[in-house]
Amino acid sequence: MNLLLNKRCSKRFFFVSVLMIALSVLIAYPFLPQQIVSDSFNLMGSGSNSPKLTLLIVQLVFLSVYTLIGYGAADFFIRVAPSSINIPNKEYWLHPSRIKTTISKTSAIGYWILFFTNILIWIILIRIYIEQIARAEISTAFFPILIILYLLILTVFLIRTNKAFKKKLSTSEIGCRNQKTE
């Protein structure tokens, strides 16, 4: 079984990433100074704004809302409009006999993308905590490398999962497809 297309597995990882973010905020909160850099950074990785510590709670609420919206969207939009799923061989995969499995697989992809995004956010939060608590300077290349790595991981992930939908169509299915287009 392909774990990348397993909805149950992707949901678990997604919720673990949400828990990681929440726990990191709760654990680090008492150790952070009253003024923290948390909402804007320049390309060199240094903070350009110092809001109050309470903004961290607002950010946690924002992340919670983002998570709930993402959680609902990963299933809702695919169920409401399955024809909007952008996969190869749509006619085959959206056939009534396979649509339930296809929706489950594409939902799993959505959860994995949310998981990767949550991990990106978590790494950024950890970076802020390290800088603020330990007063440690972190490399100026941190953010560009992190974003490039995140985009690379997403690209590889999407290429890999997309291969699962490249089922070879039989000659009769190709003939049916050509008749529909004429």
N, C-alpha and C. Protein backbone atom coordinates (compact mmCIF):
# COMPACT_ATOMS: atom_id res chain seq x y z
N MET A 1 0.85 -1.19 0.00
CA MET A 1 0.00 0.00 0.00
C MET A 1 0.89 1.25 0.00
N ASN A 2 0.54 2.21 -0.80
CA ASN A 2 1.29 3.45 -0.90
C ASN A 2 0.89 4.38 0.25
N LEU A 3 1.81 4.61 1.19
CA LEU A 3 1.50 5.45 2.35
C LEU A 3 1.24 6.90 1.96
N LEU A 4 1.79 7.33 0.84
CA LEU A 4 1.57 8.71 0.40
C LEU A 4 0.13 8.95 -0.02
N LEU A 5 -0.57 7.89 -0.38
CA LEU A 5 -1.96 8.03 -0.80
C LEU A 5 -2.93 7.44 0.20
N ASN A 6 -2.44 7.15 1.40
CA ASN A 6 -3.28 6.60 2.46
C ASN A 6 -3.84 7.77 3.28
N LYS A 7 -5.15 7.96 3.21
CA LYS A 7 -5.78 9.10 3.87
C LYS A 7 -5.63 9.02 5.39
N ARG A 8 -5.79 7.87 5.97
CA ARG A 8 -5.70 7.72 7.42
C ARG A 8 -4.29 8.10 7.90
N CYS A 9 -3.28 7.62 7.21
CA CYS A 9 -1.89 7.91 7.58
C CYS A 9 -1.60 9.42 7.43
N SER A 10 -2.04 10.01 6.32
CA SER A 10 -1.77 11.44 6.09
C SER A 10 -2.49 12.30 7.12
N LYS A 11 -3.71 11.90 7.51
CA LYS A 11 -4.44 12.64 8.55
C LYS A 11 -3.71 12.59 9.88
N ARG A 12 -3.18 11.43 10.22
CA ARG A 12 -2.44 11.30 11.47
C ARG A 12 -1.22 12.20 11.49
N PHE A 13 -0.45 12.19 10.40
CA PHE A 13 0.72 13.05 10.32
C PHE A 13 0.32 14.52 10.39
N PHE A 14 -0.77 14.86 9.74
CA PHE A 14 -1.27 16.23 9.77
C PHE A 14 -1.58 16.67 11.20
N PHE A 15 -2.30 15.82 11.94
CA PHE A 15 -2.66 16.18 13.31
C PHE A 15 -1.43 16.20 14.23
N VAL A 16 -0.46 15.34 13.97
CA VAL A 16 0.78 15.38 14.74
C VAL A 16 1.49 16.72 14.51
N SER A 17 1.49 17.20 13.27
CA SER A 17 2.14 18.48 12.98
C SER A 17 1.41 19.64 13.67
N VAL A 18 0.10 19.57 13.74
CA VAL A 18 -0.67 20.60 14.45
C VAL A 18 -0.32 20.57 15.94
N LEU A 19 -0.24 19.37 16.48
CA LEU A 19 0.12 19.21 17.89
C LEU A 19 1.54 19.72 18.17
N MET A 20 2.45 19.47 17.25
CA MET A 20 3.83 19.96 17.40
C MET A 20 3.86 21.48 17.49
N ILE A 21 3.10 22.15 16.65
CA ILE A 21 3.06 23.62 16.67
C ILE A 21 2.49 24.11 18.00
N ALA A 22 1.38 23.54 18.40
CA ALA A 22 0.73 23.98 19.65
C ALA A 22 1.64 23.73 20.85
N LEU A 23 2.23 22.57 20.93
CA LEU A 23 3.11 22.26 22.05
C LEU A 23 4.36 23.14 22.08
N SER A 24 4.91 23.43 20.90
CA SER A 24 6.10 24.28 20.87
C SER A 24 5.79 25.68 21.40
N VAL A 25 4.63 26.20 21.07
CA VAL A 25 4.23 27.52 21.59
C VAL A 25 4.03 27.45 23.10
N LEU A 26 3.32 26.44 23.56
CA LEU A 26 3.05 26.32 25.00
C LEU A 26 4.33 26.10 25.82
N ILE A 27 5.26 25.33 25.28
CA ILE A 27 6.51 25.07 26.00
C ILE A 27 7.42 26.28 26.00
N ALA A 28 7.52 26.96 24.86
CA ALA A 28 8.46 28.09 24.74
C ALA A 28 7.92 29.38 25.34
N TYR A 29 6.62 29.52 25.46
CA TYR A 29 6.00 30.78 25.89
C TYR A 29 6.61 31.35 27.19
N PRO A 30 6.76 30.57 28.24
CA PRO A 30 7.30 31.16 29.48
C PRO A 30 8.76 31.61 29.38
N PHE A 31 9.50 31.11 28.40
CA PHE A 31 10.91 31.44 28.28
C PHE A 31 11.19 32.61 27.35
N LEU A 32 10.18 33.04 26.62
CA LEU A 32 10.38 34.12 25.64
C LEU A 32 10.40 35.49 26.33
N PRO A 33 11.19 36.41 25.79
CA PRO A 33 11.19 37.76 26.34
C PRO A 33 9.87 38.47 26.02
N GLN A 34 9.62 39.61 26.69
CA GLN A 34 8.37 40.34 26.48
C GLN A 34 8.23 40.83 25.04
N GLN A 35 9.31 41.27 24.43
CA GLN A 35 9.30 41.70 23.03
C GLN A 35 9.97 40.61 22.20
N ILE A 36 9.28 40.11 21.20
CA ILE A 36 9.86 39.06 20.36
C ILE A 36 9.72 39.42 18.89
N VAL A 37 10.62 38.91 18.09
CA VAL A 37 10.54 39.07 16.65
C VAL A 37 9.75 37.87 16.15
N SER A 38 8.60 38.14 15.55
CA SER A 38 7.80 36.97 15.17
C SER A 38 6.96 37.14 13.93
N ASP A 39 6.82 38.35 13.41
CA ASP A 39 5.88 38.45 12.31
C ASP A 39 6.46 38.90 10.99
N SER A 40 7.67 39.40 10.95
CA SER A 40 8.24 39.74 9.65
C SER A 40 9.76 39.68 9.71
N PHE A 41 10.31 39.10 8.65
CA PHE A 41 11.76 38.95 8.53
C PHE A 41 12.16 39.44 7.14
N ASN A 42 13.36 39.99 7.05
CA ASN A 42 13.86 40.37 5.74
C ASN A 42 14.55 39.16 5.12
N LEU A 43 15.03 39.30 3.90
CA LEU A 43 15.65 38.16 3.22
C LEU A 43 16.93 37.70 3.88
N MET A 44 17.52 38.52 4.70
CA MET A 44 18.75 38.14 5.39
C MET A 44 18.45 37.34 6.66
N GLY A 45 17.18 37.18 7.00
CA GLY A 45 16.80 36.36 8.14
C GLY A 45 16.72 37.09 9.45
N SER A 46 16.92 38.40 9.45
CA SER A 46 16.83 39.12 10.71
C SER A 46 15.45 39.76 10.85
N GLY A 47 14.99 39.83 12.08
CA GLY A 47 13.66 40.35 12.34
C GLY A 47 13.57 41.84 12.09
N SER A 48 12.46 42.25 11.57
CA SER A 48 12.28 43.68 11.29
C SER A 48 11.13 44.28 12.10
N ASN A 49 10.57 43.51 13.02
CA ASN A 49 9.48 44.02 13.83
C ASN A 49 9.51 43.29 15.17
N SER A 50 9.22 43.99 16.25
CA SER A 50 9.23 43.37 17.57
C SER A 50 7.90 43.59 18.27
N PRO A 51 6.94 42.70 18.06
CA PRO A 51 5.65 42.83 18.71
C PRO A 51 5.69 42.30 20.15
N LYS A 52 4.60 42.47 20.83
CA LYS A 52 4.47 41.96 22.19
C LYS A 52 4.36 40.44 22.18
N LEU A 53 4.68 39.85 23.29
CA LEU A 53 4.62 38.41 23.45
C LEU A 53 3.20 37.88 23.22
N THR A 54 2.21 38.68 23.54
CA THR A 54 0.83 38.23 23.38
C THR A 54 0.48 37.98 21.91
N LEU A 55 1.25 38.58 21.00
CA LEU A 55 0.99 38.32 19.58
C LEU A 55 1.21 36.85 19.25
N LEU A 56 2.06 36.19 20.01
CA LEU A 56 2.30 34.77 19.79
C LEU A 56 1.00 33.98 19.95
N ILE A 57 0.19 34.35 20.91
CA ILE A 57 -1.10 33.69 21.12
C ILE A 57 -2.02 33.96 19.93
N VAL A 58 -2.01 35.19 19.42
CA VAL A 58 -2.81 35.53 18.24
C VAL A 58 -2.36 34.69 17.06
N GLN A 59 -1.05 34.52 16.92
CA GLN A 59 -0.54 33.69 15.83
C GLN A 59 -0.97 32.24 15.99
N LEU A 60 -0.99 31.75 17.21
CA LEU A 60 -1.43 30.38 17.46
C LEU A 60 -2.91 30.22 17.10
N VAL A 61 -3.71 31.22 17.42
CA VAL A 61 -5.13 31.19 17.04
C VAL A 61 -5.26 31.19 15.52
N PHE A 62 -4.45 32.05 14.85
CA PHE A 62 -4.47 32.08 13.38
C PHE A 62 -4.10 30.72 12.82
N LEU A 63 -3.05 30.08 13.36
CA LEU A 63 -2.65 28.76 12.88
C LEU A 63 -3.75 27.73 13.11
N SER A 64 -4.47 27.87 14.21
CA SER A 64 -5.57 26.95 14.49
C SER A 64 -6.69 27.12 13.47
N VAL A 65 -7.01 28.37 13.15
CA VAL A 65 -8.05 28.62 12.15
C VAL A 65 -7.61 28.12 10.78
N TYR A 66 -6.35 28.40 10.43
CA TYR A 66 -5.80 27.92 9.15
C TYR A 66 -5.87 26.40 9.09
N THR A 67 -5.56 25.73 10.20
CA THR A 67 -5.59 24.28 10.26
C THR A 67 -7.01 23.76 10.07
N LEU A 68 -7.97 24.37 10.75
CA LEU A 68 -9.36 23.93 10.60
C LEU A 68 -9.87 24.14 9.18
N ILE A 69 -9.52 25.27 8.59
CA ILE A 69 -9.93 25.53 7.20
C ILE A 69 -9.29 24.50 6.27
N GLY A 70 -7.99 24.26 6.46
CA GLY A 70 -7.31 23.26 5.64
C GLY A 70 -7.88 21.88 5.82
N TYR A 71 -8.19 21.52 7.06
CA TYR A 71 -8.76 20.21 7.35
C TYR A 71 -10.09 20.04 6.63
N GLY A 72 -10.94 21.05 6.71
CA GLY A 72 -12.24 20.97 6.04
C GLY A 72 -12.12 21.00 4.53
N ALA A 73 -11.21 21.82 4.02
CA ALA A 73 -11.07 21.98 2.58
C ALA A 73 -10.52 20.73 1.91
N ALA A 74 -9.63 20.00 2.61
CA ALA A 74 -9.02 18.81 2.02
C ALA A 74 -10.07 17.78 1.61
N ASP A 75 -11.17 17.72 2.30
CA ASP A 75 -12.24 16.78 1.94
C ASP A 75 -13.41 17.47 1.23
N PHE A 76 -13.81 18.63 1.71
CA PHE A 76 -15.03 19.27 1.24
C PHE A 76 -15.01 19.58 -0.25
N PHE A 77 -13.99 20.30 -0.71
CA PHE A 77 -13.97 20.72 -2.11
C PHE A 77 -13.86 19.54 -3.06
N ILE A 78 -13.14 18.52 -2.65
CA ILE A 78 -12.99 17.35 -3.50
C ILE A 78 -14.31 16.59 -3.59
N ARG A 79 -15.05 16.51 -2.49
CA ARG A 79 -16.34 15.81 -2.50
C ARG A 79 -17.41 16.60 -3.27
N VAL A 80 -17.39 17.92 -3.11
CA VAL A 80 -18.40 18.75 -3.76
C VAL A 80 -18.18 18.81 -5.27
N ALA A 81 -16.93 18.95 -5.68
CA ALA A 81 -16.63 19.10 -7.10
C ALA A 81 -15.51 18.15 -7.52
N PRO A 82 -15.80 16.85 -7.62
CA PRO A 82 -14.73 15.91 -7.98
C PRO A 82 -14.15 16.18 -9.37
N SER A 83 -14.91 16.81 -10.24
CA SER A 83 -14.37 17.11 -11.58
C SER A 83 -13.26 18.15 -11.53
N SER A 84 -13.11 18.84 -10.40
CA SER A 84 -12.04 19.83 -10.27
C SER A 84 -10.71 19.18 -9.90
N ILE A 85 -10.71 17.89 -9.63
CA ILE A 85 -9.47 17.18 -9.32
C ILE A 85 -8.62 17.18 -10.58
N ASN A 86 -7.39 17.63 -10.45
CA ASN A 86 -6.49 17.72 -11.59
C ASN A 86 -5.50 16.56 -11.55
N ILE A 87 -5.86 15.46 -12.19
CA ILE A 87 -5.01 14.28 -12.25
C ILE A 87 -5.01 13.73 -13.66
N PRO A 88 -3.96 12.99 -14.03
CA PRO A 88 -3.96 12.36 -15.35
C PRO A 88 -5.06 11.31 -15.45
N ASN A 89 -5.54 11.06 -16.64
CA ASN A 89 -6.56 10.03 -16.90
C ASN A 89 -7.80 10.24 -16.04
N LYS A 90 -8.28 11.46 -16.01
CA LYS A 90 -9.43 11.82 -15.18
C LYS A 90 -10.64 10.92 -15.42
N GLU A 91 -10.89 10.63 -16.69
CA GLU A 91 -12.08 9.83 -17.02
C GLU A 91 -12.02 8.47 -16.31
N TYR A 92 -10.84 7.89 -16.28
CA TYR A 92 -10.68 6.58 -15.64
C TYR A 92 -10.86 6.71 -14.12
N TRP A 93 -10.15 7.65 -13.51
CA TRP A 93 -10.13 7.75 -12.05
C TRP A 93 -11.43 8.30 -11.47
N LEU A 94 -12.18 9.07 -12.25
CA LEU A 94 -13.43 9.63 -11.75
C LEU A 94 -14.65 8.81 -12.19
N HIS A 95 -14.39 7.63 -12.72
CA HIS A 95 -15.48 6.72 -13.05
C HIS A 95 -16.21 6.37 -11.75
N PRO A 96 -17.56 6.25 -11.79
CA PRO A 96 -18.32 5.98 -10.55
C PRO A 96 -17.81 4.79 -9.73
N SER A 97 -17.22 3.81 -10.38
CA SER A 97 -16.73 2.64 -9.63
C SER A 97 -15.43 2.94 -8.88
N ARG A 98 -14.71 4.01 -9.26
CA ARG A 98 -13.43 4.32 -8.62
C ARG A 98 -13.41 5.67 -7.91
N ILE A 99 -14.48 6.43 -7.99
CA ILE A 99 -14.44 7.81 -7.50
C ILE A 99 -14.20 7.88 -5.99
N LYS A 100 -14.75 6.95 -5.23
CA LYS A 100 -14.56 6.99 -3.78
C LYS A 100 -13.07 6.81 -3.42
N THR A 101 -12.42 5.87 -4.06
CA THR A 101 -10.99 5.64 -3.85
C THR A 101 -10.19 6.85 -4.31
N THR A 102 -10.55 7.42 -5.43
CA THR A 102 -9.83 8.59 -5.95
C THR A 102 -9.96 9.77 -5.01
N ILE A 103 -11.15 10.00 -4.49
CA ILE A 103 -11.36 11.10 -3.54
C ILE A 103 -10.52 10.86 -2.28
N SER A 104 -10.45 9.64 -1.82
CA SER A 104 -9.64 9.33 -0.65
C SER A 104 -8.16 9.61 -0.92
N LYS A 105 -7.69 9.20 -2.09
CA LYS A 105 -6.28 9.42 -2.43
C LYS A 105 -5.96 10.91 -2.60
N THR A 106 -6.82 11.66 -3.25
CA THR A 106 -6.55 13.08 -3.43
C THR A 106 -6.68 13.85 -2.11
N SER A 107 -7.56 13.40 -1.23
CA SER A 107 -7.64 14.00 0.11
C SER A 107 -6.34 13.76 0.87
N ALA A 108 -5.79 12.56 0.73
CA ALA A 108 -4.51 12.24 1.38
C ALA A 108 -3.43 13.19 0.88
N ILE A 109 -3.42 13.48 -0.40
CA ILE A 109 -2.43 14.42 -0.94
C ILE A 109 -2.60 15.79 -0.30
N GLY A 110 -3.85 16.23 -0.14
CA GLY A 110 -4.11 17.52 0.51
C GLY A 110 -3.61 17.54 1.94
N TYR A 111 -3.83 16.46 2.68
CA TYR A 111 -3.35 16.40 4.06
C TYR A 111 -1.83 16.40 4.14
N TRP A 112 -1.18 15.72 3.20
CA TRP A 112 0.29 15.73 3.20
C TRP A 112 0.82 17.14 2.93
N ILE A 113 0.18 17.86 2.01
CA ILE A 113 0.62 19.23 1.73
C ILE A 113 0.44 20.10 2.97
N LEU A 114 -0.68 19.94 3.67
CA LEU A 114 -0.88 20.67 4.92
C LEU A 114 0.17 20.26 5.96
N PHE A 115 0.50 18.99 6.01
CA PHE A 115 1.54 18.52 6.93
C PHE A 115 2.87 19.20 6.64
N PHE A 116 3.29 19.20 5.38
CA PHE A 116 4.56 19.82 5.01
C PHE A 116 4.56 21.32 5.35
N THR A 117 3.42 21.97 5.13
CA THR A 117 3.32 23.40 5.45
C THR A 117 3.40 23.62 6.95
N ASN A 118 2.75 22.78 7.72
CA ASN A 118 2.84 22.88 9.18
C ASN A 118 4.26 22.65 9.68
N ILE A 119 4.97 21.73 9.07
CA ILE A 119 6.36 21.50 9.46
C ILE A 119 7.20 22.73 9.14
N LEU A 120 6.95 23.36 8.01
CA LEU A 120 7.65 24.61 7.66
C LEU A 120 7.38 25.67 8.73
N ILE A 121 6.14 25.83 9.10
CA ILE A 121 5.77 26.82 10.13
C ILE A 121 6.42 26.47 11.46
N TRP A 122 6.43 25.19 11.81
CA TRP A 122 7.03 24.74 13.06
C TRP A 122 8.53 25.05 13.09
N ILE A 123 9.22 24.78 11.98
CA ILE A 123 10.65 25.06 11.91
C ILE A 123 10.91 26.55 12.07
N ILE A 124 10.08 27.38 11.44
CA ILE A 124 10.23 28.83 11.58
C ILE A 124 10.01 29.25 13.03
N LEU A 125 8.99 28.69 13.68
CA LEU A 125 8.75 29.01 15.09
C LEU A 125 9.93 28.60 15.97
N ILE A 126 10.47 27.42 15.72
CA ILE A 126 11.63 26.96 16.49
C ILE A 126 12.80 27.91 16.28
N ARG A 127 12.97 28.37 15.07
CA ARG A 127 14.05 29.32 14.78
C ARG A 127 13.86 30.61 15.57
N ILE A 128 12.64 31.09 15.62
CA ILE A 128 12.34 32.30 16.39
C ILE A 128 12.64 32.06 17.87
N TYR A 129 12.23 30.92 18.39
CA TYR A 129 12.46 30.63 19.80
C TYR A 129 13.96 30.57 20.13
N ILE A 130 14.72 29.89 19.28
CA ILE A 130 16.16 29.79 19.51
C ILE A 130 16.80 31.17 19.51
N GLU A 131 16.41 31.98 18.54
CA GLU A 131 16.99 33.32 18.44
C GLU A 131 16.61 34.17 19.65
N GLN A 132 15.37 34.06 20.08
CA GLN A 132 14.89 34.91 21.16
C GLN A 132 15.30 34.42 22.55
N ILE A 133 15.30 33.13 22.77
CA ILE A 133 15.63 32.60 24.09
C ILE A 133 17.14 32.56 24.31
N ALA A 134 17.87 32.02 23.34
CA ALA A 134 19.31 31.86 23.50
C ALA A 134 20.10 33.05 22.96
N ARG A 135 19.40 33.97 22.33
CA ARG A 135 20.06 35.12 21.69
C ARG A 135 21.14 34.65 20.72
N ALA A 136 20.85 33.55 20.04
CA ALA A 136 21.79 32.97 19.09
C ALA A 136 21.51 33.51 17.69
N GLU A 137 22.56 33.89 17.04
CA GLU A 137 22.42 34.32 15.64
C GLU A 137 22.33 33.08 14.76
N ILE A 138 21.42 33.13 13.84
CA ILE A 138 21.24 32.01 12.92
C ILE A 138 21.60 32.51 11.53
N SER A 139 22.15 31.64 10.74
CA SER A 139 22.64 31.98 9.41
C SER A 139 21.62 32.78 8.61
N THR A 140 22.15 33.74 7.85
CA THR A 140 21.26 34.55 7.01
C THR A 140 20.69 33.74 5.84
N ALA A 141 21.30 32.61 5.56
CA ALA A 141 20.80 31.76 4.47
C ALA A 141 19.67 30.84 4.93
N PHE A 142 19.31 30.92 6.21
CA PHE A 142 18.31 30.00 6.76
C PHE A 142 16.99 30.05 6.00
N PHE A 143 16.41 31.24 5.85
CA PHE A 143 15.09 31.34 5.21
C PHE A 143 15.12 30.97 3.73
N PRO A 144 16.06 31.49 2.94
CA PRO A 144 16.07 31.07 1.52
C PRO A 144 16.26 29.56 1.37
N ILE A 145 17.15 28.98 2.16
CA ILE A 145 17.38 27.52 2.06
C ILE A 145 16.14 26.76 2.50
N LEU A 146 15.50 27.22 3.58
CA LEU A 146 14.29 26.56 4.07
C LEU A 146 13.17 26.59 3.03
N ILE A 147 12.95 27.73 2.42
CA ILE A 147 11.89 27.84 1.40
C ILE A 147 12.21 26.98 0.18
N ILE A 148 13.46 27.00 -0.25
CA ILE A 148 13.85 26.17 -1.40
C ILE A 148 13.66 24.69 -1.06
N LEU A 149 14.06 24.29 0.13
CA LEU A 149 13.89 22.91 0.56
C LEU A 149 12.41 22.52 0.62
N TYR A 150 11.58 23.40 1.17
CA TYR A 150 10.14 23.16 1.24
C TYR A 150 9.54 22.98 -0.16
N LEU A 151 9.89 23.87 -1.08
CA LEU A 151 9.37 23.77 -2.45
C LEU A 151 9.89 22.52 -3.16
N LEU A 152 11.13 22.17 -2.91
CA LEU A 152 11.69 20.96 -3.50
C LEU A 152 10.97 19.71 -2.98
N ILE A 153 10.73 19.66 -1.68
CA ILE A 153 10.01 18.52 -1.09
C ILE A 153 8.60 18.42 -1.67
N LEU A 154 7.91 19.56 -1.77
CA LEU A 154 6.56 19.55 -2.36
C LEU A 154 6.59 19.09 -3.81
N THR A 155 7.56 19.55 -4.57
CA THR A 155 7.66 19.17 -5.98
C THR A 155 7.88 17.67 -6.12
N VAL A 156 8.84 17.12 -5.37
CA VAL A 156 9.11 15.69 -5.43
C VAL A 156 7.88 14.90 -4.98
N PHE A 157 7.23 15.36 -3.92
CA PHE A 157 6.03 14.70 -3.42
C PHE A 157 4.93 14.66 -4.49
N LEU A 158 4.68 15.80 -5.12
CA LEU A 158 3.61 15.86 -6.12
C LEU A 158 3.94 15.04 -7.36
N ILE A 159 5.19 15.03 -7.76
CA ILE A 159 5.59 14.20 -8.91
C ILE A 159 5.38 12.73 -8.57
N ARG A 160 5.79 12.36 -7.37
CA ARG A 160 5.65 10.96 -6.94
C ARG A 160 4.20 10.52 -6.82
N THR A 161 3.36 11.36 -6.23
CA THR A 161 1.96 10.97 -6.07
C THR A 161 1.22 11.02 -7.40
N ASN A 162 1.64 11.91 -8.28
CA ASN A 162 1.00 12.01 -9.58
C ASN A 162 1.22 10.73 -10.40
N LYS A 163 2.34 10.06 -10.18
CA LYS A 163 2.62 8.82 -10.91
C LYS A 163 1.58 7.74 -10.61
N ALA A 164 1.01 7.78 -9.43
CA ALA A 164 0.00 6.77 -9.06
C ALA A 164 -1.25 6.89 -9.93
N PHE A 165 -1.47 8.05 -10.52
CA PHE A 165 -2.66 8.26 -11.34
C PHE A 165 -2.37 8.10 -12.83
N LYS A 166 -1.18 7.67 -13.18
CA LYS A 166 -0.84 7.52 -14.60
C LYS A 166 -1.07 6.09 -15.07
N LYS A 167 -2.20 5.56 -14.72
CA LYS A 167 -2.55 4.20 -15.12
C LYS A 167 -2.69 4.17 -16.64
N LYS A 168 -2.15 3.13 -17.23
CA LYS A 168 -2.28 2.97 -18.68
C LYS A 168 -3.72 2.60 -19.01
N LEU A 169 -4.30 3.33 -19.93
CA LEU A 169 -5.67 3.03 -20.35
C LEU A 169 -5.64 1.92 -21.38
N SER A 170 -6.65 1.05 -21.30
CA SER A 170 -6.73 -0.03 -22.28
C SER A 170 -7.19 0.53 -23.62
N THR A 171 -7.04 -0.25 -24.65
CA THR A 171 -7.41 0.19 -26.00
C THR A 171 -8.89 0.55 -26.07
N SER A 172 -9.76 -0.20 -25.40
CA SER A 172 -11.19 0.09 -25.43
C SER A 172 -11.49 1.41 -24.72
N GLU A 173 -10.77 1.70 -23.62
CA GLU A 173 -10.98 2.97 -22.91
C GLU A 173 -10.51 4.14 -23.75
N ILE A 174 -9.41 3.97 -24.49
CA ILE A 174 -8.92 5.03 -25.36
C ILE A 174 -9.92 5.27 -26.48
N GLY A 175 -10.50 4.18 -27.02
CA GLY A 175 -11.49 4.31 -28.08
C GLY A 175 -12.73 5.05 -27.59
N CYS A 176 -13.18 4.73 -26.37
CA CYS A 176 -14.33 5.44 -25.77
C CYS A 176 -14.01 6.91 -25.57
N ARG A 177 -12.80 7.22 -25.15
CA ARG A 177 -12.41 8.59 -24.92
C ARG A 177 -12.41 9.38 -26.23
N ASN A 178 -11.88 8.74 -27.31
CA ASN A 178 -11.85 9.42 -28.60
C ASN A 178 -13.26 9.64 -29.15
N GLN A 179 -14.17 8.70 -28.90
CA GLN A 179 -15.54 8.87 -29.37
C GLN A 179 -16.22 10.01 -28.64
N LYS A 180 -15.93 10.21 -27.36
CA LYS A 180 -16.53 11.30 -26.58
C LYS A 180 -16.06 12.65 -27.08
N THR A 181 -14.81 12.74 -27.52
CA THR A 181 -14.27 14.04 -27.95
C THR A 181 -14.74 14.42 -29.34
N GLU A 182 -15.17 13.45 -30.13
CA GLU A 182 -15.62 13.76 -31.50
C GLU A 182 -17.01 14.33 -31.54
